[in-house]
Amino acid sequence: MITNHSLFKKQFALCAMVVSLLTACGGASVPGKYTDSNKLPTIYPDYVDVTVPVNIAPLSIELMQSADDAVIRYSFGSDEIVCGGQKAMPDIDDWRELAAKAKGQAIQVEVFAENGGQWTRFKPFNIHVSPDSIDPYISYRLISPSYVTYEELTINQRSLEDYWEQPIYDNMLCGDEINGQCINCHNYQMYNPQRMQFHARQKNGGTVVMYDGDIKKVNMANDSILSAGVYPSWHPWLKLIAYSTNKTMQSFHTRDINKIEVLDSESDLIVYDVERNEVMNIENDPHEFEVYPFWSPDGKYLYYCSAHFVYEADTVNTTETILRAYEIKYSLYRKAFNLETREFGPREMVFDAAAVNKSVTLPRISPDGRWLLLSQGGWGCFHIWHRDADLWLIDLQKFNPEVTNPEDMQAQGVARPLSECNSDNVESYHSWSSNGKWIMFSSRRDDGVYTRPFIAHMENGKGTKPFELPAEDPDYHRQLMKSYNIPEFMRGRVEFTPQEIADVLKQNVDPVKYVQHLSR
């Protein structure tokens, strides 16, 4: 079902583009007499002084202060969009024209509020319009932030250039009242929507792989690996997908502000050959929890996170894992990959977070291969539940394998917290745009409960103030009551329908073949 945001639009004043500052359209006009305030208006979302791509959808805003009436004006030079009412929702065509003219400069936003017959103009602010475009689509899981209810779950795709949104797959299509399903870990090869995969657990479980018009279900059940693959990463051009295989569980805190914990009692790394339907272990040390693989853009390295953990009785004990959860600290490693022999080298430390009593997850490298973004928190590997989780940036161009202590790396300008994008709540599930000019990540900075996508411009390792994913109604995300998980950039739309994917998932397929070495 297509989500049509335009249903909201009928409830509010129309917006229109005009050429002269003295002309108003749609029944809205700037008040002729007002008092200036030196305070910025309180608006939602917070788009004050953000930087946006030239091709982004209109940034609708809502005045969150009490007012009998309001007018909001977006302007550049003599061009403007004037919106009446406390919600400003610019027309898409008008916005595109205004943004194109302001390219490389800024759109000025003025908010006027009327109380008791007196108009006030708040301090104007800018929306900076970068000439750098952004990928036209993103995808994400939409899920209720519940500890037990997950069946009402979809993977959606959304246009960044307007408000079009549609499910790629609906979790309810293969479940029933007794046997449910859970879908996760969608991923693309080099942002290509024709080359996608995601994993389904429980009823009709398996991995769905789409490749250039073909679609198949993969059964990774094999005695030589822990479980089916999760947290995938496609090789940049080879038909290989790296995964971690995990024995995962949940636990609940009674005294910690982070009420839920997701833990692995075991985890390894595997690689799957899409063409040959073969799988092999990359790392399966029983005293290491390996997770979150990610290929470098040149295809020559596989980065991943790993925590050293030895059970007291030298046997897997989930109760012990829960009791010692705060001890589990993941550091960042990489393994060289020989493109000719398809063999992996020994592991190499990159960022020794455990040495400073921290834990890192989700390495993501910019398309030019220079910048590595990760999430750092106090412990564990599921930072989406950790309020202390922040984004960190590593400059791989300056990386020295002899210096892997985070404090030393920070002192030498190799690594740093991405303070300009972090908040006092969760930052996680991050990704780079295909041109390397934008990052997107999930954050709970709004209310501490729901994760929502935020986007920031990146230039020479510096980020700008993040802005929330635009919606036609500025209040849309707060009314949705869903969390956005794993936001990923895409160059286009996924064309397979949810029902076509469900039909594939319902098929029975033979397990993959386990091999000791990848075929050349």
Protein backbone atom coordinates (compact mmCIF):
# COMPACT_ATOMS: atom_id res chain seq x y z
CA MET A 1 0.00 0.00 0.00
CA ILE A 2 1.38 3.39 -0.93
CA THR A 3 1.57 5.89 1.91
CA ASN A 4 0.01 9.12 0.66
CA HIS A 5 1.17 12.02 2.78
CA SER A 6 -1.05 14.40 0.82
CA LEU A 7 -3.99 13.42 3.04
CA PHE A 8 -2.56 15.78 5.64
CA LYS A 9 -2.33 18.68 3.24
CA LYS A 10 -6.07 19.37 2.99
CA GLN A 11 -6.15 20.36 6.65
CA PHE A 12 -3.81 23.29 6.33
CA ALA A 13 -3.32 26.51 4.39
CA LEU A 14 -2.02 26.30 0.83
CA CYS A 15 1.48 27.45 -0.07
CA ALA A 16 2.44 29.17 -3.30
CA MET A 17 5.49 30.49 -5.09
CA VAL A 18 5.52 34.18 -5.96
CA VAL A 19 8.09 36.31 -7.73
CA SER A 20 7.73 39.49 -5.69
CA LEU A 21 8.06 39.92 -1.95
CA LEU A 22 4.98 42.14 -2.09
CA THR A 23 2.72 39.48 -3.57
CA ALA A 24 1.01 36.66 -1.64
CA CYS A 25 -0.77 33.58 -2.99
CA GLY A 26 -3.09 30.95 -1.56
CA GLY A 27 -4.66 33.39 0.87
CA ALA A 28 -1.45 33.83 2.89
CA SER A 29 0.53 37.05 3.09
CA VAL A 30 3.28 38.47 5.24
CA PRO A 31 1.90 40.91 7.83
CA GLY A 32 2.60 44.53 6.95
CA LYS A 33 3.31 45.54 10.53
CA TYR A 34 5.16 43.48 13.14
CA THR A 35 7.68 43.64 15.97
CA ASP A 36 11.04 41.90 15.57
CA SER A 37 12.18 39.40 18.22
CA ASN A 38 15.81 38.48 18.82
CA LYS A 39 14.78 34.90 19.62
CA LEU A 40 14.57 32.02 17.19
CA PRO A 41 11.15 30.38 16.85
CA THR A 42 10.53 26.98 18.42
CA ILE A 43 9.83 24.73 15.47
CA TYR A 44 9.60 21.03 14.68
CA PRO A 45 11.51 19.50 13.08
CA ASP A 46 14.56 21.57 14.00
CA TYR A 47 15.68 22.81 10.60
CA VAL A 48 17.45 25.92 11.89
CA ASP A 49 20.71 26.44 9.96
CA VAL A 50 20.83 22.92 8.53
CA THR A 51 22.48 22.05 5.21
CA VAL A 52 20.36 20.11 2.72
CA PRO A 53 20.96 18.62 -0.75
CA VAL A 54 19.61 20.58 -3.68
CA ASN A 55 17.28 17.71 -4.64
CA ILE A 56 15.73 17.10 -1.20
CA ALA A 57 11.97 17.09 -0.68
CA PRO A 58 10.44 20.27 0.83
CA LEU A 59 11.27 20.92 4.48
CA SER A 60 7.87 21.38 6.13
CA ILE A 61 7.91 22.93 9.60
CA GLU A 62 5.50 23.50 12.45
CA LEU A 63 5.54 26.41 14.89
CA MET A 64 5.50 24.85 18.36
CA GLN A 65 4.70 28.07 20.24
CA SER A 66 1.22 29.30 21.09
CA ALA A 67 -0.19 31.66 18.46
CA ASP A 68 -3.60 32.85 17.27
CA ASP A 69 -2.26 32.83 13.72
CA ALA A 70 1.05 32.36 11.93
CA VAL A 71 2.74 32.96 8.59
CA ILE A 72 5.94 31.26 7.50
CA ARG A 73 7.98 32.52 4.56
CA TYR A 74 10.79 30.75 2.69
CA SER A 75 12.70 33.14 0.43
CA PHE A 76 15.74 33.59 -1.75
CA GLY A 77 16.26 36.99 -3.32
CA SER A 78 12.93 38.13 -4.75
CA ASP A 79 11.48 34.60 -4.85
CA GLU A 80 9.45 33.29 -1.96
CA ILE A 81 7.00 30.68 -0.72
CA VAL A 82 4.48 32.03 1.80
CA CYS A 83 2.48 29.62 3.96
CA GLY A 84 -0.36 30.55 6.29
CA GLY A 85 -0.98 28.70 9.55
CA GLN A 86 1.30 27.09 12.11
CA LYS A 87 2.27 24.33 9.69
CA ALA A 88 4.19 25.30 6.56
CA MET A 89 4.04 22.65 3.82
CA PRO A 90 5.57 24.00 0.60
CA ASP A 91 4.42 22.72 -2.76
CA ILE A 92 7.02 20.35 -4.25
CA ASP A 93 7.37 22.16 -7.59
CA ASP A 94 7.65 25.54 -5.89
CA TRP A 95 10.25 24.18 -3.47
CA ARG A 96 12.33 22.67 -6.27
CA GLU A 97 12.39 25.99 -8.10
CA LEU A 98 13.38 27.90 -4.97
CA ALA A 99 16.05 25.35 -3.97
CA ALA A 100 17.53 25.38 -7.49
CA LYS A 101 17.90 29.17 -7.35
CA ALA A 102 19.43 29.02 -3.86
CA LYS A 103 21.88 26.25 -4.83
CA GLY A 104 25.21 26.89 -3.14
CA GLN A 105 23.65 29.59 -0.98
CA ALA A 106 20.74 29.65 1.49
CA ILE A 107 16.98 29.87 1.75
CA GLN A 108 15.92 32.31 4.45
CA VAL A 109 13.04 31.29 6.71
CA GLU A 110 10.96 33.86 8.59
CA VAL A 111 8.28 32.89 11.11
CA PHE A 112 5.58 35.42 12.02
CA ALA A 113 3.23 34.78 14.94
CA GLU A 114 0.11 36.75 15.89
CA ASN A 115 -1.18 36.95 19.45
CA GLY A 116 -3.91 39.34 20.57
CA GLY A 117 -3.81 41.20 17.27
CA GLN A 118 -0.06 41.88 17.51
CA TRP A 119 2.37 40.26 15.03
CA THR A 120 5.91 39.25 15.94
CA ARG A 121 8.65 38.20 13.56
CA PHE A 122 11.07 35.78 15.14
CA LYS A 123 14.76 35.90 14.33
CA PRO A 124 15.15 34.59 10.74
CA PHE A 125 17.26 31.51 10.09
CA ASN A 126 18.78 29.83 7.05
CA ILE A 127 18.44 26.50 5.31
CA HIS A 128 21.71 26.11 3.41
CA VAL A 129 21.30 24.45 0.01
CA SER A 130 24.31 22.37 -0.96
CA PRO A 131 25.01 21.83 -4.66
CA ASP A 132 25.77 18.21 -3.73
CA SER A 133 22.80 16.02 -4.57
CA ILE A 134 21.74 12.96 -2.59
CA ASP A 135 20.66 9.49 -3.70
CA PRO A 136 17.01 9.60 -4.77
CA TYR A 137 15.81 6.76 -2.51
CA ILE A 138 16.36 5.21 0.89
CA SER A 139 14.99 2.10 2.57
CA TYR A 140 14.47 1.13 6.20
CA ARG A 141 12.57 -1.17 8.50
CA LEU A 142 9.49 0.30 10.15
CA ILE A 143 8.89 -1.40 13.50
CA SER A 144 7.12 -0.63 16.75
CA PRO A 145 9.62 0.00 19.58
CA SER A 146 8.20 -2.91 21.55
CA TYR A 147 10.00 -5.71 23.33
CA VAL A 148 7.59 -8.44 22.24
CA THR A 149 5.47 -7.26 19.28
CA TYR A 150 7.36 -7.29 16.01
CA GLU A 151 5.07 -9.02 13.50
CA GLU A 152 3.64 -5.72 12.18
CA LEU A 153 6.89 -4.93 10.43
CA THR A 154 7.80 -3.78 6.93
CA ILE A 155 10.86 -2.92 4.90
CA ASN A 156 9.91 0.31 3.14
CA GLN A 157 11.44 2.36 0.36
CA ARG A 158 11.05 6.12 0.27
CA SER A 159 11.90 8.85 -2.21
CA LEU A 160 14.10 11.64 -0.83
CA GLU A 161 13.04 13.96 -3.65
CA ASP A 162 9.36 13.82 -2.69
CA TYR A 163 7.23 11.92 -0.18
CA TRP A 164 6.56 8.71 -2.14
CA GLU A 165 6.80 5.63 0.08
CA GLN A 166 6.00 1.95 -0.47
CA PRO A 167 6.75 -1.38 1.26
CA ILE A 168 9.39 -3.57 -0.32
CA TYR A 169 8.17 -6.45 1.84
CA ASP A 170 5.52 -6.88 4.53
CA ASN A 171 6.34 -9.23 7.39
CA MET A 172 2.66 -10.25 7.74
CA LEU A 173 2.53 -11.88 4.30
CA CYS A 174 4.12 -15.14 5.44
CA GLY A 175 3.03 -15.27 9.08
CA ASP A 176 -0.18 -16.43 10.69
CA GLU A 177 -1.86 -16.25 14.09
CA ILE A 178 0.34 -19.01 15.51
CA ASN A 179 3.60 -18.82 13.58
CA GLY A 180 5.14 -15.42 13.02
CA GLN A 181 8.03 -14.13 10.95
CA CYS A 182 10.70 -11.48 11.48
CA ILE A 183 12.58 -9.72 8.69
CA ASN A 184 15.86 -7.84 9.00
CA CYS A 185 19.17 -6.83 7.52
CA HIS A 186 18.37 -5.47 4.05
CA ASN A 187 21.48 -4.56 2.08
CA TYR A 188 22.50 -3.61 -1.47
CA GLN A 189 25.54 -4.08 -3.65
CA MET A 190 26.87 -0.58 -4.28
CA TYR A 191 23.47 1.08 -3.74
CA ASN A 192 21.95 -0.96 -6.58
CA PRO A 193 18.26 -1.80 -5.88
CA GLN A 194 18.54 -4.60 -8.48
CA ARG A 195 21.02 -6.34 -6.17
CA MET A 196 19.41 -6.63 -2.77
CA GLN A 197 19.14 -9.16 0.01
CA PHE A 198 17.33 -9.46 3.34
CA HIS A 199 16.82 -12.21 5.89
CA ALA A 200 13.63 -13.72 7.31
CA ARG A 201 13.53 -15.73 10.51
CA GLN A 202 10.99 -18.20 11.92
CA LYS A 203 8.10 -19.20 9.63
CA ASN A 204 9.30 -19.64 6.02
CA GLY A 205 12.69 -18.40 7.18
CA GLY A 206 15.52 -17.87 4.74
CA THR A 207 17.56 -15.24 2.94
CA VAL A 208 16.06 -13.52 -0.10
CA VAL A 209 18.62 -12.59 -2.74
CA MET A 210 17.70 -10.42 -5.74
CA TYR A 211 20.23 -10.05 -8.54
CA ASP A 212 19.60 -8.26 -11.84
CA GLY A 213 15.99 -9.38 -12.22
CA ASP A 214 16.36 -12.82 -10.64
CA ILE A 215 15.13 -13.60 -7.14
CA LYS A 216 15.77 -16.67 -5.00
CA LYS A 217 15.49 -17.95 -1.45
CA VAL A 218 18.66 -19.20 0.21
CA ASN A 219 18.65 -21.77 3.02
CA MET A 220 21.89 -21.31 4.93
CA ALA A 221 21.19 -24.10 7.40
CA ASN A 222 24.44 -26.01 7.72
CA ASP A 223 26.13 -27.98 10.51
CA SER A 224 29.40 -26.15 9.85
CA ILE A 225 28.08 -22.66 10.63
CA LEU A 226 26.28 -21.29 13.68
CA SER A 227 23.14 -20.01 12.00
CA ALA A 228 21.83 -18.23 8.94
CA GLY A 229 23.71 -15.06 8.04
CA VAL A 230 22.79 -11.61 9.38
CA TYR A 231 24.36 -8.12 9.23
CA PRO A 232 25.28 -8.54 5.55
CA SER A 233 27.77 -6.69 3.39
CA TRP A 234 28.03 -7.18 -0.38
CA HIS A 235 31.43 -7.18 -1.98
CA PRO A 236 31.62 -4.04 -4.19
CA TRP A 237 31.48 -6.07 -7.44
CA LEU A 238 32.01 -9.80 -6.80
CA LYS A 239 28.98 -12.02 -6.18
CA LEU A 240 29.98 -12.46 -2.54
CA ILE A 241 28.14 -11.43 0.62
CA ALA A 242 29.84 -11.41 4.02
CA TYR A 243 27.68 -12.11 7.09
CA SER A 244 27.97 -12.76 10.75
CA THR A 245 26.26 -15.83 12.18
CA ASN A 246 24.94 -15.29 15.68
CA LYS A 247 23.29 -16.97 18.62
CA THR A 248 21.31 -13.97 19.86
CA MET A 249 19.18 -13.32 22.93
CA GLN A 250 17.46 -10.50 24.80
CA SER A 251 17.74 -9.53 28.44
CA PHE A 252 16.18 -6.74 30.47
CA HIS A 253 17.73 -4.32 32.93
CA THR A 254 15.96 -3.29 36.11
CA ARG A 255 18.37 -0.57 37.25
CA ASP A 256 19.99 0.64 34.05
CA ILE A 257 18.41 3.44 31.99
CA ASN A 258 18.85 1.18 28.94
CA LYS A 259 16.02 -1.22 29.68
CA ILE A 260 16.74 -3.88 27.08
CA GLU A 261 19.93 -5.58 25.99
CA VAL A 262 20.48 -7.69 22.88
CA LEU A 263 23.46 -10.01 23.28
CA ASP A 264 25.30 -12.70 21.35
CA SER A 265 26.39 -15.83 23.17
CA GLU A 266 28.30 -16.90 20.03
CA SER A 267 29.05 -15.23 16.70
CA ASP A 268 31.27 -15.94 13.70
CA LEU A 269 31.91 -14.53 10.21
CA ILE A 270 30.98 -16.29 6.97
CA VAL A 271 30.98 -15.44 3.27
CA TYR A 272 28.34 -16.62 0.76
CA ASP A 273 28.91 -17.10 -2.97
CA VAL A 274 25.66 -16.01 -4.67
CA GLU A 275 26.50 -17.70 -7.97
CA ARG A 276 27.66 -21.07 -6.63
CA ASN A 277 25.37 -21.23 -3.56
CA GLU A 278 28.38 -21.98 -1.37
CA VAL A 279 29.28 -20.73 2.10
CA MET A 280 32.49 -20.81 4.14
CA ASN A 281 33.67 -19.63 7.54
CA ILE A 282 35.93 -16.58 7.66
CA GLU A 283 36.40 -16.37 11.43
CA ASN A 284 35.03 -18.82 14.03
CA ASP A 285 37.26 -18.47 17.08
CA PRO A 286 35.21 -19.79 20.05
CA HIS A 287 36.66 -17.05 22.28
CA GLU A 288 35.79 -14.20 19.91
CA PHE A 289 32.38 -12.68 19.15
CA GLU A 290 32.80 -11.50 15.53
CA VAL A 291 30.07 -9.34 14.03
CA TYR A 292 29.20 -6.51 11.56
CA PRO A 293 31.41 -7.25 8.53
CA PHE A 294 31.85 -4.49 5.94
CA TRP A 295 33.89 -4.54 2.71
CA SER A 296 36.19 -1.67 1.82
CA PRO A 297 35.18 0.05 -1.45
CA ASP A 298 38.27 -1.32 -3.22
CA GLY A 299 37.22 -4.86 -2.25
CA LYS A 300 40.60 -5.61 -0.68
CA TYR A 301 39.66 -5.59 3.01
CA LEU A 302 36.86 -6.90 5.16
CA TYR A 303 36.35 -4.80 8.30
CA TYR A 304 34.45 -6.18 11.29
CA CYS A 305 34.00 -5.91 15.05
CA SER A 306 35.04 -8.54 17.57
CA ALA A 307 34.95 -8.95 21.35
CA HIS A 308 37.19 -11.34 23.26
CA PHE A 309 35.09 -13.38 25.69
CA VAL A 310 36.05 -16.61 27.48
CA TYR A 311 33.38 -18.52 29.37
CA GLU A 312 34.47 -19.52 32.86
CA ALA A 313 33.66 -23.18 32.24
CA ASP A 314 34.89 -22.90 28.63
CA THR A 315 31.42 -23.75 27.37
CA VAL A 316 28.62 -21.53 26.10
CA ASN A 317 26.38 -20.37 28.94
CA THR A 318 23.77 -17.72 28.10
CA THR A 319 23.19 -16.87 31.77
CA GLU A 320 26.87 -16.07 32.14
CA THR A 321 26.72 -13.87 29.03
CA ILE A 322 23.88 -11.85 30.55
CA LEU A 323 25.59 -11.51 33.94
CA ARG A 324 28.84 -10.39 32.31
CA ALA A 325 27.25 -8.19 29.64
CA TYR A 326 29.12 -5.06 30.74
CA GLU A 327 32.42 -6.87 30.14
CA ILE A 328 31.74 -7.45 26.44
CA LYS A 329 33.73 -4.84 24.52
CA TYR A 330 34.01 -4.88 20.75
CA SER A 331 37.04 -3.51 18.90
CA LEU A 332 37.48 -2.93 15.18
CA TYR A 333 39.54 -5.29 13.02
CA ARG A 334 40.11 -5.97 9.33
CA LYS A 335 41.31 -8.86 7.18
CA ALA A 336 43.00 -8.45 3.82
CA PHE A 337 41.25 -10.18 0.90
CA ASN A 338 43.18 -11.41 -2.14
CA LEU A 339 41.03 -10.72 -5.19
CA GLU A 340 42.82 -13.37 -7.29
CA THR A 341 42.97 -16.28 -4.83
CA ARG A 342 39.83 -15.24 -2.88
CA GLU A 343 41.64 -15.94 0.37
CA PHE A 344 41.55 -13.88 3.58
CA GLY A 345 44.63 -12.89 5.50
CA PRO A 346 45.13 -12.75 9.28
CA ARG A 347 43.16 -10.26 11.31
CA GLU A 348 44.59 -6.82 11.95
CA MET A 349 43.59 -4.42 14.73
CA VAL A 350 42.27 -1.05 13.54
CA PHE A 351 40.63 0.59 16.57
CA ASP A 352 41.20 -0.97 20.00
CA ALA A 353 38.07 0.30 21.72
CA ALA A 354 38.33 -2.35 24.46
CA ALA A 355 41.65 -0.83 25.52
CA VAL A 356 39.79 2.29 26.67
CA ASN A 357 36.83 0.36 28.09
CA LYS A 358 34.55 1.10 25.12
CA SER A 359 32.80 -0.92 22.46
CA VAL A 360 32.33 -0.14 18.74
CA THR A 361 29.91 -1.42 16.12
CA LEU A 362 28.84 -1.03 12.48
CA PRO A 363 31.94 0.05 10.52
CA ARG A 364 30.86 1.91 7.38
CA ILE A 365 33.39 3.30 4.88
CA SER A 366 32.85 6.26 2.53
CA PRO A 367 32.80 5.37 -1.19
CA ASP A 368 36.20 7.01 -1.74
CA GLY A 369 37.67 4.69 0.89
CA ARG A 370 38.96 7.44 3.16
CA TRP A 371 36.51 7.83 6.03
CA LEU A 372 35.30 5.06 8.33
CA LEU A 373 32.23 5.79 10.42
CA LEU A 374 31.26 3.67 13.42
CA SER A 375 29.15 3.80 16.57
CA GLN A 376 30.83 3.74 19.99
CA GLY A 377 29.20 2.98 23.32
CA GLY A 378 30.04 1.53 26.70
CA TRP A 379 29.59 -2.16 25.96
CA GLY A 380 27.96 -4.75 23.75
CA CYS A 381 27.09 -4.78 20.05
CA PHE A 382 23.50 -3.52 19.90
CA HIS A 383 24.00 0.22 20.29
CA ILE A 384 20.53 1.09 19.02
CA TRP A 385 19.40 0.51 22.63
CA HIS A 386 22.29 2.42 24.22
CA ARG A 387 21.80 6.08 25.02
CA ASP A 388 25.54 6.69 25.21
CA ALA A 389 26.11 5.51 21.62
CA ASP A 390 27.85 8.17 19.50
CA LEU A 391 29.25 8.32 15.98
CA TRP A 392 33.03 8.25 15.56
CA LEU A 393 35.03 8.97 12.41
CA ILE A 394 38.39 7.42 11.45
CA ASP A 395 40.58 8.90 8.71
CA LEU A 396 41.92 5.77 6.98
CA GLN A 397 44.31 7.91 4.94
CA LYS A 398 46.13 8.72 8.19
CA PHE A 399 45.71 5.27 9.75
CA ASN A 400 48.90 3.68 11.10
CA PRO A 401 48.57 -0.04 12.01
CA GLU A 402 51.11 0.55 14.77
CA VAL A 403 48.77 3.01 16.53
CA THR A 404 45.36 1.54 17.35
CA ASN A 405 44.64 2.95 20.81
CA PRO A 406 41.68 5.36 20.38
CA GLU A 407 43.20 7.97 22.69
CA ASP A 408 46.44 8.00 20.69
CA MET A 409 44.53 8.00 17.41
CA GLN A 410 42.50 10.97 18.58
CA ALA A 411 45.62 12.84 19.70
CA GLN A 412 47.17 12.29 16.26
CA GLY A 413 44.05 13.44 14.40
CA VAL A 414 43.26 9.96 13.04
CA ALA A 415 40.00 9.40 14.92
CA ARG A 416 37.48 11.60 16.67
CA PRO A 417 33.87 11.68 17.88
CA LEU A 418 31.60 13.22 15.23
CA SER A 419 30.45 15.79 17.76
CA GLU A 420 28.69 17.99 15.21
CA CYS A 421 26.24 15.14 14.54
CA ASN A 422 25.98 13.47 17.95
CA SER A 423 23.33 14.13 20.58
CA ASP A 424 22.74 13.08 24.18
CA ASN A 425 20.83 10.03 22.95
CA VAL A 426 21.28 7.13 20.55
CA GLU A 427 23.22 7.46 17.27
CA SER A 428 23.56 4.24 15.31
CA TYR A 429 22.70 2.41 12.05
CA HIS A 430 24.60 4.84 9.84
CA SER A 431 25.37 4.78 6.11
CA TRP A 432 27.07 6.88 3.42
CA SER A 433 25.46 8.24 0.26
CA SER A 434 26.88 6.94 -3.01
CA ASN A 435 28.76 10.21 -3.67
CA GLY A 436 30.18 10.26 -0.11
CA LYS A 437 28.76 13.73 0.54
CA TRP A 438 26.00 12.70 2.96
CA ILE A 439 25.56 10.38 5.90
CA MET A 440 22.29 9.06 7.29
CA PHE A 441 21.82 7.53 10.72
CA SER A 442 19.16 6.55 13.23
CA SER A 443 18.80 8.73 16.31
CA ARG A 444 16.49 8.98 19.31
CA ARG A 445 17.30 12.63 19.96
CA ASP A 446 13.65 13.70 19.58
CA ASP A 447 12.04 11.77 22.43
CA GLY A 448 14.38 8.99 23.55
CA VAL A 449 11.95 6.28 22.39
CA TYR A 450 11.66 6.25 18.60
CA THR A 451 14.57 6.04 16.17
CA ARG A 452 14.20 8.35 13.18
CA PRO A 453 16.50 9.01 10.21
CA PHE A 454 18.74 12.07 10.27
CA ILE A 455 20.94 13.28 7.42
CA ALA A 456 24.09 15.41 7.52
CA HIS A 457 26.41 16.82 4.87
CA MET A 458 30.04 15.65 4.99
CA GLU A 459 32.96 17.57 3.53
CA ASN A 460 36.63 16.78 4.25
CA GLY A 461 35.71 14.82 7.36
CA LYS A 462 33.47 17.54 8.78
CA GLY A 463 29.74 17.15 9.29
CA THR A 464 26.97 19.70 9.42
CA LYS A 465 24.01 19.90 11.76
CA PRO A 466 21.80 16.86 10.98
CA PHE A 467 18.26 17.32 9.73
CA GLU A 468 15.35 14.92 10.17
CA LEU A 469 13.94 13.07 7.16
CA PRO A 470 11.41 15.53 5.64
CA ALA A 471 7.71 14.66 5.69
CA GLU A 472 4.84 16.48 4.01
CA ASP A 473 3.17 17.02 7.38
CA PRO A 474 5.92 18.14 9.78
CA ASP A 475 4.21 16.22 12.58
CA TYR A 476 4.11 12.97 10.59
CA HIS A 477 6.97 11.14 12.32
CA ARG A 478 5.66 11.88 15.80
CA GLN A 479 2.22 10.57 14.86
CA LEU A 480 3.57 7.46 13.13
CA MET A 481 4.75 5.78 16.36
CA LYS A 482 7.20 3.57 14.48
CA SER A 483 10.97 3.28 14.66
CA TYR A 484 13.10 3.55 11.53
CA ASN A 485 15.84 0.90 11.59
CA ILE A 486 18.80 0.36 9.27
CA PRO A 487 18.35 3.31 6.89
CA GLU A 488 20.19 2.59 3.62
CA PHE A 489 20.72 4.74 0.52
CA MET A 490 19.55 3.46 -2.89
CA ARG A 491 20.09 4.65 -6.47
CA GLY A 492 16.55 3.65 -7.47
CA ARG A 493 13.50 1.61 -6.49
CA VAL A 494 13.20 -2.09 -5.79
CA GLU A 495 10.80 -3.33 -8.47
CA PHE A 496 9.79 -6.71 -7.02
CA THR A 497 6.41 -6.52 -5.27
CA PRO A 498 5.87 -7.66 -1.67
CA GLN A 499 3.70 -10.54 -2.88
CA GLU A 500 6.34 -11.71 -5.36
CA ILE A 501 8.86 -11.78 -2.53
CA ALA A 502 6.42 -13.62 -0.24
CA ASP A 503 5.87 -16.27 -2.92
CA VAL A 504 9.62 -16.87 -3.04
CA LEU A 505 9.90 -17.09 0.75
CA LYS A 506 7.19 -19.77 0.85
CA GLN A 507 9.30 -22.06 -1.33
CA ASN A 508 11.32 -24.96 0.06
CA VAL A 509 14.95 -24.91 -1.08
CA ASP A 510 17.99 -27.07 -0.46
CA PRO A 511 20.63 -25.88 2.01
CA VAL A 512 23.77 -24.17 0.83
CA LYS A 513 26.93 -26.17 0.27
CA TYR A 514 29.69 -25.67 2.84
CA VAL A 515 33.23 -25.29 1.46
CA GLN A 516 36.65 -24.83 3.03
CA HIS A 517 37.80 -22.36 0.38
CA LEU A 518 36.02 -20.07 -2.06
CA SER A 519 36.14 -21.17 -5.68
CA ARG A 520 38.06 -18.89 -8.03
